[in-house]
Amino acid sequence: MSDAPADIDLDALLEASDAPETHAVVELDVRTLGPPKPLRKTLEASADLADEEVLVQYNDRTPQHLYPKLDDRGLTYETVESEDVTVTLVWNGDD
C-alpha cells in the first residue's frame, strides 16, 4: 500500500518523471516533521538506497537544502510541486 497523499497518482508521477519506472519504490513522508528532521531522514534513507530503488519523499515544502547533499552523493533527483505536497524522487544517477 502506498503512503502517497490522496491527491497524488504515484504511478503517473513516476511515468512522467525521469526516474526509472521499473525500480522498486521506497516512500518517505516527512510532511509533518519540522526542520531539520526531513533533511536528516531523507539523507538516511538515500544512504540506504539500493541501485534498483527510487526514493519518493513527500514534503510540505521544497527541500532546497537537500539538493546540494544529493549532488554530493552522486544521486539524481526530480521535484514536482503541487498545492498541498512537494514530491521529490531520488535515485542512483548511473541509471
PDB file of N, CA and C in Angstrom:
ATOM      1  N   MET A   1       0.837  -1.183   0.000  1.00  0.00           N
ATOM      2  CA  MET A   1       0.000   0.000   0.000  1.00  0.00           C
ATOM      3  C   MET A   1       0.880   1.244   0.000  1.00  0.00           C
ATOM      4  N   SER A   2       0.497   2.217  -0.783  1.00  0.00           N
ATOM      5  CA  SER A   2       1.272   3.432  -0.940  1.00  0.00           C
ATOM      6  C   SER A   2       0.995   4.416   0.193  1.00  0.00           C
ATOM      7  N   ASP A   3       2.024   5.171   0.561  1.00  0.00           N
ATOM      8  CA  ASP A   3       1.879   6.249   1.532  1.00  0.00           C
ATOM      9  C   ASP A   3       1.568   7.570   0.845  1.00  0.00           C
ATOM     10  N   ALA A   4       1.388   7.541  -0.465  1.00  0.00           N
ATOM     11  CA  ALA A   4       1.163   8.760  -1.234  1.00  0.00           C
ATOM     12  C   ALA A   4      -0.087   9.482  -0.753  1.00  0.00           C
ATOM     13  N   PRO A   5      -0.021  10.815  -0.685  1.00  0.00           N
ATOM     14  CA  PRO A   5      -1.224  11.576  -0.364  1.00  0.00           C
ATOM     15  C   PRO A   5      -2.328  11.253  -1.367  1.00  0.00           C
ATOM     16  N   ALA A   6      -3.563  11.399  -0.943  1.00  0.00           N
ATOM     17  CA  ALA A   6      -4.706  11.002  -1.762  1.00  0.00           C
ATOM     18  C   ALA A   6      -4.725  11.672  -3.132  1.00  0.00           C
ATOM     19  N   ASP A   7      -4.230  12.900  -3.226  1.00  0.00           N
ATOM     20  CA  ASP A   7      -4.287  13.616  -4.499  1.00  0.00           C
ATOM     21  C   ASP A   7      -3.077  13.355  -5.401  1.00  0.00           C
ATOM     22  N   ILE A   8      -2.201  12.435  -5.023  1.00  0.00           N
ATOM     23  CA  ILE A   8      -1.012  12.118  -5.813  1.00  0.00           C
ATOM     24  C   ILE A   8      -1.178  10.753  -6.467  1.00  0.00           C
ATOM     25  N   ASP A   9      -1.053  10.715  -7.783  1.00  0.00           N
ATOM     26  CA  ASP A   9      -1.045   9.455  -8.526  1.00  0.00           C
ATOM     27  C   ASP A   9       0.422   9.076  -8.710  1.00  0.00           C
ATOM     28  N   LEU A  10       0.918   8.236  -7.825  1.00  0.00           N
ATOM     29  CA  LEU A  10       2.340   7.900  -7.819  1.00  0.00           C
ATOM     30  C   LEU A  10       2.777   7.260  -9.129  1.00  0.00           C
ATOM     31  N   ASP A  11       1.972   6.370  -9.676  1.00  0.00           N
ATOM     32  CA  ASP A  11       2.332   5.726 -10.942  1.00  0.00           C
ATOM     33  C   ASP A  11       2.468   6.749 -12.060  1.00  0.00           C
ATOM     34  N   ALA A  12       1.527   7.681 -12.147  1.00  0.00           N
ATOM     35  CA  ALA A  12       1.584   8.717 -13.180  1.00  0.00           C
ATOM     36  C   ALA A  12       2.781   9.635 -12.963  1.00  0.00           C
ATOM     37  N   LEU A  13       3.068   9.940 -11.713  1.00  0.00           N
ATOM     38  CA  LEU A  13       4.209  10.790 -11.386  1.00  0.00           C
ATOM     39  C   LEU A  13       5.514  10.133 -11.816  1.00  0.00           C
ATOM     40  N   LEU A  14       5.663   8.853 -11.509  1.00  0.00           N
ATOM     41  CA  LEU A  14       6.869   8.127 -11.909  1.00  0.00           C
ATOM     42  C   LEU A  14       6.985   8.055 -13.429  1.00  0.00           C
ATOM     43  N   GLU A  15       5.867   7.828 -14.095  1.00  0.00           N
ATOM     44  CA  GLU A  15       5.875   7.726 -15.553  1.00  0.00           C
ATOM     45  C   GLU A  15       6.264   9.053 -16.205  1.00  0.00           C
ATOM     46  N   ALA A  16       5.814  10.164 -15.640  1.00  0.00           N
ATOM     47  CA  ALA A  16       6.094  11.481 -16.203  1.00  0.00           C
ATOM     48  C   ALA A  16       7.496  11.983 -15.863  1.00  0.00           C
ATOM     49  N   SER A  17       8.136  11.370 -14.892  1.00  0.00           N
ATOM     50  CA  SER A  17       9.461  11.814 -14.457  1.00  0.00           C
ATOM     51  C   SER A  17      10.557  11.079 -15.221  1.00  0.00           C
ATOM     52  N   ASP A  18      11.787  11.464 -14.932  1.00  0.00           N
ATOM     53  CA  ASP A  18      12.949  10.772 -15.496  1.00  0.00           C
ATOM     54  C   ASP A  18      13.393   9.599 -14.631  1.00  0.00           C
ATOM     55  N   ALA A  19      12.731   9.385 -13.502  1.00  0.00           N
ATOM     56  CA  ALA A  19      13.095   8.282 -12.605  1.00  0.00           C
ATOM     57  C   ALA A  19      12.813   6.943 -13.282  1.00  0.00           C
ATOM     58  N   PRO A  20      13.657   5.949 -13.030  1.00  0.00           N
ATOM     59  CA  PRO A  20      13.434   4.621 -13.613  1.00  0.00           C
ATOM     60  C   PRO A  20      12.110   4.025 -13.127  1.00  0.00           C
ATOM     61  N   GLU A  21      11.208   3.740 -14.060  1.00  0.00           N
ATOM     62  CA  GLU A  21       9.878   3.225 -13.709  1.00  0.00           C
ATOM     63  C   GLU A  21       9.908   1.792 -13.196  1.00  0.00           C
ATOM     64  N   THR A  22      10.944   1.050 -13.551  1.00  0.00           N
ATOM     65  CA  THR A  22      10.995  -0.366 -13.189  1.00  0.00           C
ATOM     66  C   THR A  22      11.590  -0.601 -11.804  1.00  0.00           C
ATOM     67  N   HIS A  23      12.102   0.443 -11.174  1.00  0.00           N
ATOM     68  CA  HIS A  23      12.720   0.297  -9.859  1.00  0.00           C
ATOM     69  C   HIS A  23      11.661   0.180  -8.762  1.00  0.00           C
ATOM     70  N   ALA A  24      12.034  -0.485  -7.683  1.00  0.00           N
ATOM     71  CA  ALA A  24      11.173  -0.544  -6.501  1.00  0.00           C
ATOM     72  C   ALA A  24      11.078   0.853  -5.894  1.00  0.00           C
ATOM     73  N   VAL A  25       9.953   1.150  -5.293  1.00  0.00           N
ATOM     74  CA  VAL A  25       9.711   2.471  -4.708  1.00  0.00           C
ATOM     75  C   VAL A  25       9.809   2.389  -3.188  1.00  0.00           C
ATOM     76  N   VAL A  26      10.568   3.326  -2.615  1.00  0.00           N
ATOM     77  CA  VAL A  26      10.673   3.482  -1.168  1.00  0.00           C
ATOM     78  C   VAL A  26      10.065   4.843  -0.850  1.00  0.00           C
ATOM     79  N   GLU A  27       8.987   4.859  -0.084  1.00  0.00           N
ATOM     80  CA  GLU A  27       8.295   6.109   0.213  1.00  0.00           C
ATOM     81  C   GLU A  27       8.668   6.636   1.594  1.00  0.00           C
ATOM     82  N   LEU A  28       8.782   7.968   1.668  1.00  0.00           N
ATOM     83  CA  LEU A  28       9.132   8.633   2.918  1.00  0.00           C
ATOM     84  C   LEU A  28       8.278   9.890   3.045  1.00  0.00           C
ATOM     85  N   ASP A  29       7.394   9.920   4.017  1.00  0.00           N
ATOM     86  CA  ASP A  29       6.510  11.064   4.235  1.00  0.00           C
ATOM     87  C   ASP A  29       7.060  11.894   5.388  1.00  0.00           C
ATOM     88  N   VAL A  30       7.562  13.085   5.072  1.00  0.00           N
ATOM     89  CA  VAL A  30       8.145  13.960   6.091  1.00  0.00           C
ATOM     90  C   VAL A  30       7.343  15.254   6.243  1.00  0.00           C
ATOM     91  N   ARG A  31       6.122  15.257   5.750  1.00  0.00           N
ATOM     92  CA  ARG A  31       5.305  16.481   5.749  1.00  0.00           C
ATOM     93  C   ARG A  31       5.036  17.030   7.144  1.00  0.00           C
ATOM     94  N   THR A  32       4.978  16.190   8.142  1.00  0.00           N
ATOM     95  CA  THR A  32       4.628  16.660   9.486  1.00  0.00           C
ATOM     96  C   THR A  32       5.851  16.929  10.362  1.00  0.00           C
ATOM     97  N   LEU A  33       7.033  16.735   9.820  1.00  0.00           N
ATOM     98  CA  LEU A  33       8.260  16.908  10.602  1.00  0.00           C
ATOM     99  C   LEU A  33       8.825  18.313  10.431  1.00  0.00           C
ATOM    100  N   GLY A  34       9.301  18.877  11.523  1.00  0.00           N
ATOM    101  CA  GLY A  34       9.948  20.181  11.458  1.00  0.00           C
ATOM    102  C   GLY A  34      11.418  20.035  11.124  1.00  0.00           C
ATOM    103  N   PRO A  35      12.008  21.109  10.562  1.00  0.00           N
ATOM    104  CA  PRO A  35      13.438  21.081  10.239  1.00  0.00           C
ATOM    105  C   PRO A  35      14.260  20.839  11.505  1.00  0.00           C
ATOM    106  N   PRO A  36      15.346  20.137  11.415  1.00  0.00           N
ATOM    107  CA  PRO A  36      15.984  19.554  10.228  1.00  0.00           C
ATOM    108  C   PRO A  36      15.619  18.087   9.986  1.00  0.00           C
ATOM    109  N   LYS A  37      14.566  17.589  10.635  1.00  0.00           N
ATOM    110  CA  LYS A  37      14.244  16.161  10.533  1.00  0.00           C
ATOM    111  C   LYS A  37      13.977  15.679   9.109  1.00  0.00           C
ATOM    112  N   PRO A  38      13.255  16.424   8.262  1.00  0.00           N
ATOM    113  CA  PRO A  38      13.055  15.930   6.892  1.00  0.00           C
ATOM    114  C   PRO A  38      14.374  15.725   6.146  1.00  0.00           C
ATOM    115  N   LEU A  39      15.291  16.661   6.308  1.00  0.00           N
ATOM    116  CA  LEU A  39      16.600  16.545   5.666  1.00  0.00           C
ATOM    117  C   LEU A  39      17.342  15.328   6.200  1.00  0.00           C
ATOM    118  N   ARG A  40      17.387  15.191   7.499  1.00  0.00           N
ATOM    119  CA  ARG A  40      18.108  14.083   8.131  1.00  0.00           C
ATOM    120  C   ARG A  40      17.524  12.728   7.716  1.00  0.00           C
ATOM    121  N   LYS A  41      16.204  12.593   7.791  1.00  0.00           N
ATOM    122  CA  LYS A  41      15.568  11.315   7.445  1.00  0.00           C
ATOM    123  C   LYS A  41      15.750  10.974   5.965  1.00  0.00           C
ATOM    124  N   THR A  42      15.700  11.978   5.110  1.00  0.00           N
ATOM    125  CA  THR A  42      15.869  11.732   3.679  1.00  0.00           C
ATOM    126  C   THR A  42      17.304  11.345   3.366  1.00  0.00           C
ATOM    127  N   LEU A  43      18.263  11.970   4.008  1.00  0.00           N
ATOM    128  CA  LEU A  43      19.662  11.591   3.792  1.00  0.00           C
ATOM    129  C   LEU A  43      19.930  10.179   4.297  1.00  0.00           C
ATOM    130  N   GLU A  44      19.338   9.814   5.429  1.00  0.00           N
ATOM    131  CA  GLU A  44      19.488   8.443   5.935  1.00  0.00           C
ATOM    132  C   GLU A  44      18.885   7.443   4.956  1.00  0.00           C
ATOM    133  N   ALA A  45      17.696   7.751   4.452  1.00  0.00           N
ATOM    134  CA  ALA A  45      17.033   6.845   3.505  1.00  0.00           C
ATOM    135  C   ALA A  45      17.802   6.758   2.193  1.00  0.00           C
ATOM    136  N   SER A  46      18.358   7.869   1.738  1.00  0.00           N
ATOM    137  CA  SER A  46      19.103   7.849   0.474  1.00  0.00           C
ATOM    138  C   SER A  46      20.422   7.101   0.622  1.00  0.00           C
ATOM    139  N   ALA A  47      20.995   7.106   1.824  1.00  0.00           N
ATOM    140  CA  ALA A  47      22.239   6.364   2.051  1.00  0.00           C
ATOM    141  C   ALA A  47      22.005   4.864   1.948  1.00  0.00           C
ATOM    142  N   ASP A  48      20.796   4.426   2.290  1.00  0.00           N
ATOM    143  CA  ASP A  48      20.442   3.008   2.236  1.00  0.00           C
ATOM    144  C   ASP A  48      19.804   2.609   0.908  1.00  0.00           C
ATOM    145  N   LEU A  49      19.700   3.537  -0.026  1.00  0.00           N
ATOM    146  CA  LEU A  49      19.003   3.300  -1.285  1.00  0.00           C
ATOM    147  C   LEU A  49      19.785   2.343  -2.175  1.00  0.00           C
ATOM    148  N   ALA A  50      19.135   1.259  -2.559  1.00  0.00           N
ATOM    149  CA  ALA A  50      19.760   0.288  -3.463  1.00  0.00           C
ATOM    150  C   ALA A  50      19.742   0.835  -4.889  1.00  0.00           C
ATOM    151  N   ASP A  51      20.593   0.275  -5.738  1.00  0.00           N
ATOM    152  CA  ASP A  51      20.666   0.725  -7.125  1.00  0.00           C
ATOM    153  C   ASP A  51      19.342   0.575  -7.859  1.00  0.00           C
ATOM    154  N   GLU A  52      18.531  -0.364  -7.447  1.00  0.00           N
ATOM    155  CA  GLU A  52      17.265  -0.643  -8.129  1.00  0.00           C
ATOM    156  C   GLU A  52      16.068  -0.065  -7.373  1.00  0.00           C
ATOM    157  N   GLU A  53      16.291   1.028  -6.627  1.00  0.00           N
ATOM    158  CA  GLU A  53      15.218   1.663  -5.868  1.00  0.00           C
ATOM    159  C   GLU A  53      15.127   3.152  -6.186  1.00  0.00           C
ATOM    160  N   VAL A  54      13.919   3.675  -6.057  1.00  0.00           N
ATOM    161  CA  VAL A  54      13.659   5.109  -6.165  1.00  0.00           C
ATOM    162  C   VAL A  54      13.045   5.549  -4.842  1.00  0.00           C
ATOM    163  N   LEU A  55      13.645   6.552  -4.226  1.00  0.00           N
ATOM    164  CA  LEU A  55      13.098   7.126  -3.001  1.00  0.00           C
ATOM    165  C   LEU A  55      12.100   8.211  -3.389  1.00  0.00           C
ATOM    166  N   VAL A  56      10.911   8.151  -2.810  1.00  0.00           N
ATOM    167  CA  VAL A  56       9.877   9.152  -3.055  1.00  0.00           C
ATOM    168  C   VAL A  56       9.612   9.858  -1.733  1.00  0.00           C
ATOM    169  N   GLN A  57      10.022  11.134  -1.673  1.00  0.00           N
ATOM    170  CA  GLN A  57       9.851  11.917  -0.457  1.00  0.00           C
ATOM    171  C   GLN A  57       8.648  12.843  -0.619  1.00  0.00           C
ATOM    172  N   TYR A  58       7.725  12.796   0.348  1.00  0.00           N
ATOM    173  CA  TYR A  58       6.578  13.702   0.392  1.00  0.00           C
ATOM    174  C   TYR A  58       6.885  14.765   1.437  1.00  0.00           C
ATOM    175  N   ASN A  59       6.838  16.032   1.023  1.00  0.00           N
ATOM    176  CA  ASN A  59       7.204  17.121   1.915  1.00  0.00           C
ATOM    177  C   ASN A  59       6.159  18.228   1.796  1.00  0.00           C
ATOM    178  N   ASP A  60       6.136  19.123   2.768  1.00  0.00           N
ATOM    179  CA  ASP A  60       5.221  20.257   2.695  1.00  0.00           C
ATOM    180  C   ASP A  60       5.896  21.498   2.125  1.00  0.00           C
ATOM    181  N   ARG A  61       7.155  21.349   1.726  1.00  0.00           N
ATOM    182  CA  ARG A  61       7.916  22.469   1.143  1.00  0.00           C
ATOM    183  C   ARG A  61       8.988  21.914   0.212  1.00  0.00           C
ATOM    184  N   THR A  62       9.553  22.770  -0.610  1.00  0.00           N
ATOM    185  CA  THR A  62      10.652  22.374  -1.484  1.00  0.00           C
ATOM    186  C   THR A  62      11.886  22.124  -0.624  1.00  0.00           C
ATOM    187  N   PRO A  63      12.505  20.960  -0.745  1.00  0.00           N
ATOM    188  CA  PRO A  63      13.660  20.630   0.106  1.00  0.00           C
ATOM    189  C   PRO A  63      14.966  21.214  -0.437  1.00  0.00           C
ATOM    190  N   GLN A  64      15.064  22.536  -0.470  1.00  0.00           N
ATOM    191  CA  GLN A  64      16.194  23.210  -1.100  1.00  0.00           C
ATOM    192  C   GLN A  64      17.544  22.865  -0.479  1.00  0.00           C
ATOM    193  N   HIS A  65      17.583  22.580   0.809  1.00  0.00           N
ATOM    194  CA  HIS A  65      18.858  22.236   1.457  1.00  0.00           C
ATOM    195  C   HIS A  65      19.276  20.795   1.169  1.00  0.00           C
ATOM    196  N   LEU A  66      18.337  20.002   0.675  1.00  0.00           N
ATOM    197  CA  LEU A  66      18.618  18.608   0.338  1.00  0.00           C
ATOM    198  C   LEU A  66      19.394  18.482  -0.969  1.00  0.00           C
ATOM    199  N   TYR A  67      19.088  19.332  -1.939  1.00  0.00           N
ATOM    200  CA  TYR A  67      19.658  19.187  -3.279  1.00  0.00           C
ATOM    201  C   TYR A  67      21.190  19.154  -3.326  1.00  0.00           C
ATOM    202  N   PRO A  68      21.892  20.076  -2.661  1.00  0.00           N
ATOM    203  CA  PRO A  68      23.363  20.013  -2.714  1.00  0.00           C
ATOM    204  C   PRO A  68      23.919  18.725  -2.103  1.00  0.00           C
ATOM    205  N   LYS A  69      23.252  18.220  -1.084  1.00  0.00           N
ATOM    206  CA  LYS A  69      23.723  16.988  -0.440  1.00  0.00           C
ATOM    207  C   LYS A  69      23.501  15.783  -1.350  1.00  0.00           C
ATOM    208  N   LEU A  70      22.397  15.770  -2.092  1.00  0.00           N
ATOM    209  CA  LEU A  70      22.167  14.698  -3.062  1.00  0.00           C
ATOM    210  C   LEU A  70      23.189  14.781  -4.189  1.00  0.00           C
ATOM    211  N   ASP A  71      23.488  16.009  -4.626  1.00  0.00           N
ATOM    212  CA  ASP A  71      24.523  16.198  -5.652  1.00  0.00           C
ATOM    213  C   ASP A  71      25.860  15.645  -5.174  1.00  0.00           C
ATOM    214  N   ASP A  72      26.218  15.941  -3.922  1.00  0.00           N
ATOM    215  CA  ASP A  72      27.479  15.452  -3.354  1.00  0.00           C
ATOM    216  C   ASP A  72      27.548  13.932  -3.342  1.00  0.00           C
ATOM    217  N   ARG A  73      26.402  13.290  -3.210  1.00  0.00           N
ATOM    218  CA  ARG A  73      26.349  11.821  -3.164  1.00  0.00           C
ATOM    219  C   ARG A  73      26.200  11.189  -4.548  1.00  0.00           C
ATOM    220  N   GLY A  74      26.131  12.021  -5.580  1.00  0.00           N
ATOM    221  CA  GLY A  74      26.005  11.498  -6.940  1.00  0.00           C
ATOM    222  C   GLY A  74      24.625  10.959  -7.261  1.00  0.00           C
ATOM    223  N   LEU A  75      23.633  11.409  -6.509  1.00  0.00           N
ATOM    224  CA  LEU A  75      22.266  10.946  -6.736  1.00  0.00           C
ATOM    225  C   LEU A  75      21.530  11.907  -7.664  1.00  0.00           C
ATOM    226  N   THR A  76      20.599  11.367  -8.409  1.00  0.00           N
ATOM    227  CA  THR A  76      19.768  12.156  -9.305  1.00  0.00           C
ATOM    228  C   THR A  76      18.428  12.377  -8.617  1.00  0.00           C
ATOM    229  N   TYR A  77      17.809  13.527  -8.863  1.00  0.00           N
ATOM    230  CA  TYR A  77      16.536  13.827  -8.214  1.00  0.00           C
ATOM    231  C   TYR A  77      15.669  14.692  -9.117  1.00  0.00           C
ATOM    232  N   GLU A  78      14.407  14.663  -8.824  1.00  0.00           N
ATOM    233  CA  GLU A  78      13.432  15.479  -9.543  1.00  0.00           C
ATOM    234  C   GLU A  78      12.326  15.824  -8.559  1.00  0.00           C
ATOM    235  N   THR A  79      11.911  17.078  -8.558  1.00  0.00           N
ATOM    236  CA  THR A  79      10.874  17.533  -7.640  1.00  0.00           C
ATOM    237  C   THR A  79       9.659  18.020  -8.414  1.00  0.00           C
ATOM    238  N   VAL A  80       8.493  17.617  -7.941  1.00  0.00           N
ATOM    239  CA  VAL A  80       7.223  18.059  -8.510  1.00  0.00           C
ATOM    240  C   VAL A  80       6.427  18.699  -7.378  1.00  0.00           C
ATOM    241  N   GLU A  81       6.009  19.938  -7.592  1.00  0.00           N
ATOM    242  CA  GLU A  81       5.257  20.653  -6.563  1.00  0.00           C
ATOM    243  C   GLU A  81       3.786  20.750  -6.940  1.00  0.00           C
ATOM    244  N   SER A  82       2.936  20.576  -5.943  1.00  0.00           N
ATOM    245  CA  SER A  82       1.508  20.826  -6.111  1.00  0.00           C
ATOM    246  C   SER A  82       1.081  21.749  -4.979  1.00  0.00           C
ATOM    247  N   GLU A  83      -0.183  22.037  -4.913  1.00  0.00           N
ATOM    248  CA  GLU A  83      -0.666  22.967  -3.895  1.00  0.00           C
ATOM    249  C   GLU A  83      -0.468  22.435  -2.476  1.00  0.00           C
ATOM    250  N   ASP A  84      -0.637  21.124  -2.299  1.00  0.00           N
ATOM    251  CA  ASP A  84      -0.622  20.545  -0.953  1.00  0.00           C
ATOM    252  C   ASP A  84       0.628  19.765  -0.584  1.00  0.00           C
ATOM    253  N   VAL A  85       1.397  19.344  -1.581  1.00  0.00           N
ATOM    254  CA  VAL A  85       2.544  18.481  -1.298  1.00  0.00           C
ATOM    255  C   VAL A  85       3.635  18.703  -2.342  1.00  0.00           C
ATOM    256  N   THR A  86       4.863  18.554  -1.898  1.00  0.00           N
ATOM    257  CA  THR A  86       6.011  18.576  -2.797  1.00  0.00           C
ATOM    258  C   THR A  86       6.599  17.177  -2.789  1.00  0.00           C
ATOM    259  N   VAL A  87       6.747  16.595  -3.973  1.00  0.00           N
ATOM    260  CA  VAL A  87       7.248  15.232  -4.103  1.00  0.00           C
ATOM    261  C   VAL A  87       8.622  15.282  -4.752  1.00  0.00           C
ATOM    262  N   THR A  88       9.609  14.693  -4.086  1.00  0.00           N
ATOM    263  CA  THR A  88      10.953  14.608  -4.640  1.00  0.00           C
ATOM    264  C   THR A  88      11.303  13.144  -4.840  1.00  0.00           C
ATOM    265  N   LEU A  89      11.680  12.817  -6.065  1.00  0.00           N
ATOM    266  CA  LEU A  89      12.118  11.468  -6.428  1.00  0.00           C
ATOM    267  C   LEU A  89      13.636  11.466  -6.420  1.00  0.00           C
ATOM    268  N   VAL A  90      14.235  10.447  -5.827  1.00  0.00           N
ATOM    269  CA  VAL A  90      15.693  10.342  -5.720  1.00  0.00           C
ATOM    270  C   VAL A  90      16.098   8.950  -6.168  1.00  0.00           C
ATOM    271  N   TRP A  91      17.131   8.875  -7.041  1.00  0.00           N
ATOM    272  CA  TRP A  91      17.609   7.577  -7.492  1.00  0.00           C
ATOM    273  C   TRP A  91      19.086   7.660  -7.833  1.00  0.00           C
ATOM    274  N   ASN A  92      19.679   6.490  -8.005  1.00  0.00           N
ATOM    275  CA  ASN A  92      21.087   6.403  -8.354  1.00  0.00           C
ATOM    276  C   ASN A  92      21.296   7.041  -9.717  1.00  0.00           C
ATOM    277  N   GLY A  93      22.234   7.956  -9.813  1.00  0.00           N
ATOM    278  CA  GLY A  93      22.465   8.702 -11.042  1.00  0.00           C
ATOM    279  C   GLY A  93      23.020   7.901 -12.190  1.00  0.00           C
ATOM    280  N   ASP A  94      23.430   6.655 -11.958  1.00  0.00           N
ATOM    281  CA  ASP A  94      24.002   5.836 -13.027  1.00  0.00           C
ATOM    282  C   ASP A  94      22.946   5.197 -13.908  1.00  0.00           C
ATOM    283  N   ASP A  95      21.668   5.300 -13.521  1.00  0.00           N
ATOM    284  CA  ASP A  95      20.598   4.647 -14.286  1.00  0.00           C
ATOM    285  C   ASP A  95      20.164   5.500 -15.450  1.00  0.00           C
TER     286      ASP A  95
END
